[in-house]
Amino acid sequence: MKVKYLGHAAFELVSDGGTKIVFDPYESGSYDGALRHKPIKGVYDLAVVSHEHPDHCDMSVKQSAKYVVDAPGEFDIMGLHVKASPTYHDESKGSERGGNLVSVVDLDGMRVAHLGDLGHSLSEEELEGIKGVDLLLIPVGGFFTIDAAVAAELVRKAEPKVVIPMHFKTDKIDFPIAPVDEFTSLMENVEMAGGSTFTITGDESTGEMRVVVLDPEL
C-alpha cells in the first residue's frame, strides 16, 4: 500500500490493486488563506471525512468521490471494510467544536486508522478499536486537537506498527499549532522520510514500532 501525505490531515492511500482513498481532504485557501496547501486534485474511489470543517473537508473532492464515509458505522466498499467511530473535536464532548470520526480502513490485509481532529484522550473502549493497527495517522499539534504529550501516550497504548503524525505547524499553515518535533522528541525510532510518500507492507507486523515523518506533497 502506498501512502502519500498531501498536507495538514489529508492523506492519499493507493492499494496494491489500485483503489484510491483520500482521508480528510482540505479546502485550499480556507480560513481566509491560513491554509495554503495547493488544491487536491483527482477523483477518488473513497473519501473518508472526519468532520466538515474546511481544513478537513473540501466539498468538491468529497462530492466527486465514488463513495463517501462521513458518518459513524461500518461499511463494506469495493472489497474493503471501513469502521467509523464517533468521538469529539474537543475535551467537552463536542460543545466547543463538535464531533469527529475515528476511522479504520482494512486494505491490503492491513488496518489503517485516521484519527481526524481528535480533541481528547480515548477511553479503553475507544482505544480497543485502534489497538495494534498497522498504520496510525494521528494529530499532534495541539490547540484544536490533542497535543504532543497526549498523542505520545495514545500511541504507546495503541501499539501500532507504524505512526505518521499529522496536523502540525508548517510554513503553509497559519494555525496556532505546534511543530512536529514536539511530538517526535517524545518518541523513539523516528525516521524523517525526506519526502511525502511511504510504502507499507505486511512485513511491518514484526519488529519495533516506527514513527515516520512525511513532508506535505502539496
C-alpha atoms as a PDB file:
ATOM      1  CA  MET A   1       0.000   0.000   0.000  1.00  0.00           C
ATOM      2  CA  LYS A   2       1.304   3.433  -0.924  1.00  0.00           C
ATOM      3  CA  VAL A   3       0.708   6.315   1.481  1.00  0.00           C
ATOM      4  CA  LYS A   4       1.061   9.940   0.417  1.00  0.00           C
ATOM      5  CA  TYR A   5       0.862  12.889   2.819  1.00  0.00           C
ATOM      6  CA  LEU A   6      -0.968  15.617   0.908  1.00  0.00           C
ATOM      7  CA  GLY A   7      -0.850  18.139   3.751  1.00  0.00           C
ATOM      8  CA  HIS A   8      -2.384  19.039   7.134  1.00  0.00           C
ATOM      9  CA  ALA A   9      -4.570  15.968   7.860  1.00  0.00           C
ATOM     10  CA  ALA A  10      -5.061  14.827   4.255  1.00  0.00           C
ATOM     11  CA  PHE A  11      -3.623  11.521   3.064  1.00  0.00           C
ATOM     12  CA  GLU A  12      -3.932   9.501  -0.103  1.00  0.00           C
ATOM     13  CA  LEU A  13      -3.799   5.705   0.060  1.00  0.00           C
ATOM     14  CA  VAL A  14      -3.420   3.536  -3.019  1.00  0.00           C
ATOM     15  CA  SER A  15      -3.937  -0.200  -2.588  1.00  0.00           C
ATOM     16  CA  ASP A  16      -1.956  -2.844  -4.398  1.00  0.00           C
ATOM     17  CA  GLY A  17      -4.993  -3.255  -6.655  1.00  0.00           C
ATOM     18  CA  GLY A  18      -5.191   0.457  -7.443  1.00  0.00           C
ATOM     19  CA  THR A  19      -8.063   1.525  -5.179  1.00  0.00           C
ATOM     20  CA  LYS A  20      -7.579   5.200  -4.235  1.00  0.00           C
ATOM     21  CA  ILE A  21      -8.681   6.580  -0.881  1.00  0.00           C
ATOM     22  CA  VAL A  22      -8.411  10.108   0.478  1.00  0.00           C
ATOM     23  CA  PHE A  23      -8.667  10.996   4.160  1.00  0.00           C
ATOM     24  CA  ASP A  24      -9.801  14.479   5.240  1.00  0.00           C
ATOM     25  CA  PRO A  25      -9.172  16.432   2.013  1.00  0.00           C
ATOM     26  CA  TYR A  26      -8.708  20.088   2.983  1.00  0.00           C
ATOM     27  CA  GLU A  27     -10.076  23.128   1.152  1.00  0.00           C
ATOM     28  CA  SER A  28      -7.109  25.090  -0.181  1.00  0.00           C
ATOM     29  CA  GLY A  29      -7.166  28.734   0.908  1.00  0.00           C
ATOM     30  CA  SER A  30      -9.720  28.173   3.648  1.00  0.00           C
ATOM     31  CA  TYR A  31      -9.853  30.207   6.838  1.00  0.00           C
ATOM     32  CA  ASP A  32      -9.032  33.426   4.985  1.00  0.00           C
ATOM     33  CA  GLY A  33      -5.934  31.911   3.427  1.00  0.00           C
ATOM     34  CA  ALA A  34      -4.498  30.444   6.634  1.00  0.00           C
ATOM     35  CA  LEU A  35      -4.310  27.043   4.899  1.00  0.00           C
ATOM     36  CA  ARG A  36      -2.001  27.498   1.925  1.00  0.00           C
ATOM     37  CA  HIS A  37      -1.516  23.941   0.700  1.00  0.00           C
ATOM     38  CA  LYS A  38      -2.278  23.570  -3.005  1.00  0.00           C
ATOM     39  CA  PRO A  39      -5.661  22.149  -4.059  1.00  0.00           C
ATOM     40  CA  ILE A  40      -6.177  18.398  -4.008  1.00  0.00           C
ATOM     41  CA  LYS A  41      -6.956  17.149  -7.498  1.00  0.00           C
ATOM     42  CA  GLY A  42      -8.146  13.859  -8.918  1.00  0.00           C
ATOM     43  CA  VAL A  43     -11.104  11.558  -8.360  1.00  0.00           C
ATOM     44  CA  TYR A  44     -11.005   9.027  -5.537  1.00  0.00           C
ATOM     45  CA  ASP A  45     -12.787   5.729  -5.112  1.00  0.00           C
ATOM     46  CA  LEU A  46     -13.447   6.585  -1.475  1.00  0.00           C
ATOM     47  CA  ALA A  47     -13.324   9.782   0.582  1.00  0.00           C
ATOM     48  CA  VAL A  48     -13.246   9.367   4.361  1.00  0.00           C
ATOM     49  CA  VAL A  49     -14.138  12.615   6.138  1.00  0.00           C
ATOM     50  CA  SER A  50     -13.853  13.031   9.910  1.00  0.00           C
ATOM     51  CA  HIS A  51     -15.985  16.212  10.004  1.00  0.00           C
ATOM     52  CA  GLU A  52     -16.915  19.052   7.677  1.00  0.00           C
ATOM     53  CA  HIS A  53     -14.632  21.866   8.813  1.00  0.00           C
ATOM     54  CA  PRO A  54     -12.946  23.281   5.691  1.00  0.00           C
ATOM     55  CA  ASP A  55      -9.445  22.199   6.707  1.00  0.00           C
ATOM     56  CA  HIS A  56     -10.700  18.604   6.702  1.00  0.00           C
ATOM     57  CA  CYS A  57     -13.375  18.629   4.019  1.00  0.00           C
ATOM     58  CA  ASP A  58     -13.141  20.031   0.512  1.00  0.00           C
ATOM     59  CA  MET A  59     -16.676  19.561  -0.740  1.00  0.00           C
ATOM     60  CA  SER A  60     -15.582  19.309  -4.376  1.00  0.00           C
ATOM     61  CA  VAL A  61     -13.228  16.396  -3.588  1.00  0.00           C
ATOM     62  CA  LYS A  62     -15.844  14.749  -1.396  1.00  0.00           C
ATOM     63  CA  GLN A  63     -18.627  15.071  -3.939  1.00  0.00           C
ATOM     64  CA  SER A  64     -16.502  13.755  -6.794  1.00  0.00           C
ATOM     65  CA  ALA A  65     -15.555  10.558  -4.944  1.00  0.00           C
ATOM     66  CA  LYS A  66     -17.367   7.370  -5.920  1.00  0.00           C
ATOM     67  CA  TYR A  67     -18.097   6.561  -2.281  1.00  0.00           C
ATOM     68  CA  VAL A  68     -18.009   8.643   0.898  1.00  0.00           C
ATOM     69  CA  VAL A  69     -17.801   7.726   4.579  1.00  0.00           C
ATOM     70  CA  ASP A  70     -18.672  10.741   6.724  1.00  0.00           C
ATOM     71  CA  ALA A  71     -20.911   9.227   9.397  1.00  0.00           C
ATOM     72  CA  PRO A  72     -20.499   6.586  12.112  1.00  0.00           C
ATOM     73  CA  GLY A  73     -20.973   2.978  11.115  1.00  0.00           C
ATOM     74  CA  GLU A  74     -19.385   0.003   9.401  1.00  0.00           C
ATOM     75  CA  PHE A  75     -19.211  -0.135   5.629  1.00  0.00           C
ATOM     76  CA  ASP A  76     -18.064  -2.647   3.013  1.00  0.00           C
ATOM     77  CA  ILE A  77     -16.985  -0.772  -0.096  1.00  0.00           C
ATOM     78  CA  MET A  78     -15.159  -2.112  -3.154  1.00  0.00           C
ATOM     79  CA  GLY A  79     -13.789  -5.067  -1.237  1.00  0.00           C
ATOM     80  CA  LEU A  80     -12.557  -3.080   1.744  1.00  0.00           C
ATOM     81  CA  HIS A  81     -14.023  -2.566   5.197  1.00  0.00           C
ATOM     82  CA  VAL A  82     -14.383   0.786   6.969  1.00  0.00           C
ATOM     83  CA  LYS A  83     -15.394   1.367  10.574  1.00  0.00           C
ATOM     84  CA  ALA A  84     -16.060   4.988  11.565  1.00  0.00           C
ATOM     85  CA  SER A  85     -16.488   5.643  15.287  1.00  0.00           C
ATOM     86  CA  PRO A  86     -17.828   8.839  16.854  1.00  0.00           C
ATOM     87  CA  THR A  87     -15.509  10.900  19.051  1.00  0.00           C
ATOM     88  CA  TYR A  88     -15.168  14.629  19.726  1.00  0.00           C
ATOM     89  CA  HIS A  89     -13.202  17.601  18.429  1.00  0.00           C
ATOM     90  CA  ASP A  90     -12.614  18.875  21.979  1.00  0.00           C
ATOM     91  CA  GLU A  91     -12.489  17.782  25.610  1.00  0.00           C
ATOM     92  CA  SER A  92     -16.065  18.969  26.251  1.00  0.00           C
ATOM     93  CA  LYS A  93     -17.953  16.257  24.360  1.00  0.00           C
ATOM     94  CA  GLY A  94     -18.261  18.433  21.291  1.00  0.00           C
ATOM     95  CA  SER A  95     -19.681  21.541  22.946  1.00  0.00           C
ATOM     96  CA  GLU A  96     -16.782  23.664  21.638  1.00  0.00           C
ATOM     97  CA  ARG A  97     -16.004  22.283  18.172  1.00  0.00           C
ATOM     98  CA  GLY A  98     -18.440  19.452  17.503  1.00  0.00           C
ATOM     99  CA  GLY A  99     -17.970  15.822  16.636  1.00  0.00           C
ATOM    100  CA  ASN A 100     -15.166  13.869  14.972  1.00  0.00           C
ATOM    101  CA  LEU A 101     -14.815  10.440  13.410  1.00  0.00           C
ATOM    102  CA  VAL A 102     -12.007   7.996  14.071  1.00  0.00           C
ATOM    103  CA  SER A 103     -11.902   5.737  11.011  1.00  0.00           C
ATOM    104  CA  VAL A 104     -10.235   2.374  10.497  1.00  0.00           C
ATOM    105  CA  VAL A 105      -9.876   1.040   6.952  1.00  0.00           C
ATOM    106  CA  ASP A 106      -8.943  -2.576   6.192  1.00  0.00           C
ATOM    107  CA  LEU A 107      -6.889  -2.539   2.994  1.00  0.00           C
ATOM    108  CA  ASP A 108      -4.333  -4.972   1.511  1.00  0.00           C
ATOM    109  CA  GLY A 109      -4.642  -7.138   4.620  1.00  0.00           C
ATOM    110  CA  MET A 110      -3.671  -4.217   6.863  1.00  0.00           C
ATOM    111  CA  ARG A 111      -5.554  -1.828   9.145  1.00  0.00           C
ATOM    112  CA  VAL A 112      -5.118   1.932   8.798  1.00  0.00           C
ATOM    113  CA  ALA A 113      -6.523   4.294  11.428  1.00  0.00           C
ATOM    114  CA  HIS A 114      -7.042   8.017  10.800  1.00  0.00           C
ATOM    115  CA  LEU A 115      -7.945   9.976  13.931  1.00  0.00           C
ATOM    116  CA  GLY A 116      -9.194  13.135  12.225  1.00  0.00           C
ATOM    117  CA  ASP A 117      -9.379  16.141  14.556  1.00  0.00           C
ATOM    118  CA  LEU A 118      -9.437  14.100  17.744  1.00  0.00           C
ATOM    119  CA  GLY A 119      -9.570  16.508  20.664  1.00  0.00           C
ATOM    120  CA  HIS A 120      -9.410  14.215  23.705  1.00  0.00           C
ATOM    121  CA  SER A 121      -7.838  11.083  25.118  1.00  0.00           C
ATOM    122  CA  LEU A 122      -9.545   7.827  24.193  1.00  0.00           C
ATOM    123  CA  SER A 123     -11.328   5.623  26.673  1.00  0.00           C
ATOM    124  CA  GLU A 124     -10.280   1.990  26.958  1.00  0.00           C
ATOM    125  CA  GLU A 125     -13.307   1.004  24.874  1.00  0.00           C
ATOM    126  CA  GLU A 126     -12.486   3.575  22.178  1.00  0.00           C
ATOM    127  CA  LEU A 127      -8.842   2.540  22.250  1.00  0.00           C
ATOM    128  CA  GLU A 128      -9.736  -1.082  21.510  1.00  0.00           C
ATOM    129  CA  GLY A 129     -10.854  -0.061  18.034  1.00  0.00           C
ATOM    130  CA  ILE A 130      -7.372   1.078  17.003  1.00  0.00           C
ATOM    131  CA  LYS A 131      -5.122  -1.205  19.048  1.00  0.00           C
ATOM    132  CA  GLY A 132      -2.432  -2.896  17.016  1.00  0.00           C
ATOM    133  CA  VAL A 133      -3.273  -1.204  13.712  1.00  0.00           C
ATOM    134  CA  ASP A 134      -0.615  -1.404  11.038  1.00  0.00           C
ATOM    135  CA  LEU A 135      -0.653   2.348  10.404  1.00  0.00           C
ATOM    136  CA  LEU A 136      -1.822   5.130  12.707  1.00  0.00           C
ATOM    137  CA  LEU A 137      -2.339   8.660  11.328  1.00  0.00           C
ATOM    138  CA  ILE A 138      -2.509  10.919  14.372  1.00  0.00           C
ATOM    139  CA  PRO A 139      -2.834  14.681  15.013  1.00  0.00           C
ATOM    140  CA  VAL A 140      -0.068  16.060  17.232  1.00  0.00           C
ATOM    141  CA  GLY A 141      -0.197  19.871  17.017  1.00  0.00           C
ATOM    142  CA  GLY A 142      -2.500  20.679  19.926  1.00  0.00           C
ATOM    143  CA  PHE A 143      -4.850  23.666  20.348  1.00  0.00           C
ATOM    144  CA  PHE A 144      -7.560  22.259  18.024  1.00  0.00           C
ATOM    145  CA  THR A 145      -6.589  18.620  18.645  1.00  0.00           C
ATOM    146  CA  ILE A 146      -4.711  16.504  21.141  1.00  0.00           C
ATOM    147  CA  ASP A 147      -1.210  17.809  21.762  1.00  0.00           C
ATOM    148  CA  ALA A 148       2.149  16.040  21.510  1.00  0.00           C
ATOM    149  CA  ALA A 149       2.071  14.594  25.034  1.00  0.00           C
ATOM    150  CA  VAL A 150      -1.448  13.180  24.717  1.00  0.00           C
ATOM    151  CA  ALA A 151      -0.640  11.834  21.245  1.00  0.00           C
ATOM    152  CA  ALA A 152       2.515  10.131  22.513  1.00  0.00           C
ATOM    153  CA  GLU A 153       0.623   8.479  25.348  1.00  0.00           C
ATOM    154  CA  LEU A 154      -2.133   7.348  22.977  1.00  0.00           C
ATOM    155  CA  VAL A 155       0.461   5.835  20.642  1.00  0.00           C
ATOM    156  CA  ARG A 156       2.044   3.885  23.497  1.00  0.00           C
ATOM    157  CA  LYS A 157      -1.342   2.483  24.493  1.00  0.00           C
ATOM    158  CA  ALA A 158      -2.474   1.699  20.938  1.00  0.00           C
ATOM    159  CA  GLU A 159       0.788  -0.034  19.952  1.00  0.00           C
ATOM    160  CA  PRO A 160       0.525   0.489  16.178  1.00  0.00           C
ATOM    161  CA  LYS A 161       3.199  -0.849  13.841  1.00  0.00           C
ATOM    162  CA  VAL A 162       3.836   2.482  12.097  1.00  0.00           C
ATOM    163  CA  VAL A 163       2.876   6.010  13.194  1.00  0.00           C
ATOM    164  CA  ILE A 164       2.678   9.008  10.860  1.00  0.00           C
ATOM    165  CA  PRO A 165       2.000  12.350  12.597  1.00  0.00           C
ATOM    166  CA  MET A 166      -0.248  14.985  11.035  1.00  0.00           C
ATOM    167  CA  HIS A 167      -1.978  18.280  11.825  1.00  0.00           C
ATOM    168  CA  PHE A 168       1.168  20.113  12.917  1.00  0.00           C
ATOM    169  CA  LYS A 169       2.624  23.538  12.172  1.00  0.00           C
ATOM    170  CA  THR A 170       4.285  24.068   8.770  1.00  0.00           C
ATOM    171  CA  ASP A 171       5.077  27.125   6.678  1.00  0.00           C
ATOM    172  CA  LYS A 172       1.791  26.557   4.820  1.00  0.00           C
ATOM    173  CA  ILE A 173      -0.391  26.576   7.926  1.00  0.00           C
ATOM    174  CA  ASP A 174      -1.073  29.729   9.936  1.00  0.00           C
ATOM    175  CA  PHE A 175      -2.942  27.965  12.731  1.00  0.00           C
ATOM    176  CA  PRO A 176      -1.673  28.267  16.335  1.00  0.00           C
ATOM    177  CA  ILE A 177      -0.479  24.668  16.482  1.00  0.00           C
ATOM    178  CA  ALA A 178       2.873  23.165  17.421  1.00  0.00           C
ATOM    179  CA  PRO A 179       5.548  21.804  15.054  1.00  0.00           C
ATOM    180  CA  VAL A 180       6.062  18.089  14.698  1.00  0.00           C
ATOM    181  CA  ASP A 181       9.276  17.993  16.710  1.00  0.00           C
ATOM    182  CA  GLU A 182       7.324  18.488  19.935  1.00  0.00           C
ATOM    183  CA  PHE A 183       5.881  15.039  19.248  1.00  0.00           C
ATOM    184  CA  THR A 184       8.953  13.341  17.817  1.00  0.00           C
ATOM    185  CA  SER A 185      11.044  14.449  20.812  1.00  0.00           C
ATOM    186  CA  LEU A 186       8.843  12.171  22.932  1.00  0.00           C
ATOM    187  CA  MET A 187       9.156   9.153  20.641  1.00  0.00           C
ATOM    188  CA  GLU A 188      11.778   6.576  19.698  1.00  0.00           C
ATOM    189  CA  ASN A 189      12.613   5.076  16.284  1.00  0.00           C
ATOM    190  CA  VAL A 190      11.792   8.313  14.466  1.00  0.00           C
ATOM    191  CA  GLU A 191      12.511   8.437  10.736  1.00  0.00           C
ATOM    192  CA  MET A 192      12.473  11.639   8.700  1.00  0.00           C
ATOM    193  CA  ALA A 193      11.327  10.334   5.322  1.00  0.00           C
ATOM    194  CA  GLY A 194      12.559  13.357   3.385  1.00  0.00           C
ATOM    195  CA  GLY A 195       9.542  13.115   1.078  1.00  0.00           C
ATOM    196  CA  SER A 196       5.767  12.781   1.007  1.00  0.00           C
ATOM    197  CA  THR A 197       5.362   9.058   0.288  1.00  0.00           C
ATOM    198  CA  PHE A 198       5.725   5.856   2.254  1.00  0.00           C
ATOM    199  CA  THR A 199       5.090   2.246   1.269  1.00  0.00           C
ATOM    200  CA  ILE A 200       3.804  -0.093   3.958  1.00  0.00           C
ATOM    201  CA  THR A 201       3.640  -3.873   3.700  1.00  0.00           C
ATOM    202  CA  GLY A 202       2.607  -6.698   5.973  1.00  0.00           C
ATOM    203  CA  ASP A 203       6.249  -7.003   6.984  1.00  0.00           C
ATOM    204  CA  GLU A 204       5.667  -4.146   9.429  1.00  0.00           C
ATOM    205  CA  SER A 205       3.942  -6.636  11.724  1.00  0.00           C
ATOM    206  CA  THR A 206       7.306  -7.711  13.063  1.00  0.00           C
ATOM    207  CA  GLY A 207       9.889  -5.544  14.795  1.00  0.00           C
ATOM    208  CA  GLU A 208       9.658  -2.315  16.769  1.00  0.00           C
ATOM    209  CA  MET A 209       7.154   0.448  16.206  1.00  0.00           C
ATOM    210  CA  ARG A 210       8.331   3.127  13.780  1.00  0.00           C
ATOM    211  CA  VAL A 211       7.471   6.821  13.670  1.00  0.00           C
ATOM    212  CA  VAL A 212       7.735   8.125  10.108  1.00  0.00           C
ATOM    213  CA  VAL A 213       7.547  11.874   9.468  1.00  0.00           C
ATOM    214  CA  LEU A 214       6.448  12.758   5.940  1.00  0.00           C
ATOM    215  CA  ASP A 215       6.715  16.116   4.189  1.00  0.00           C
ATOM    216  CA  PRO A 216       3.492  17.519   2.707  1.00  0.00           C
ATOM    217  CA  GLU A 217       3.199  16.850  -1.031  1.00  0.00           C
ATOM    218  CA  LEU A 218       1.159  19.971  -1.736  1.00  0.00           C
END
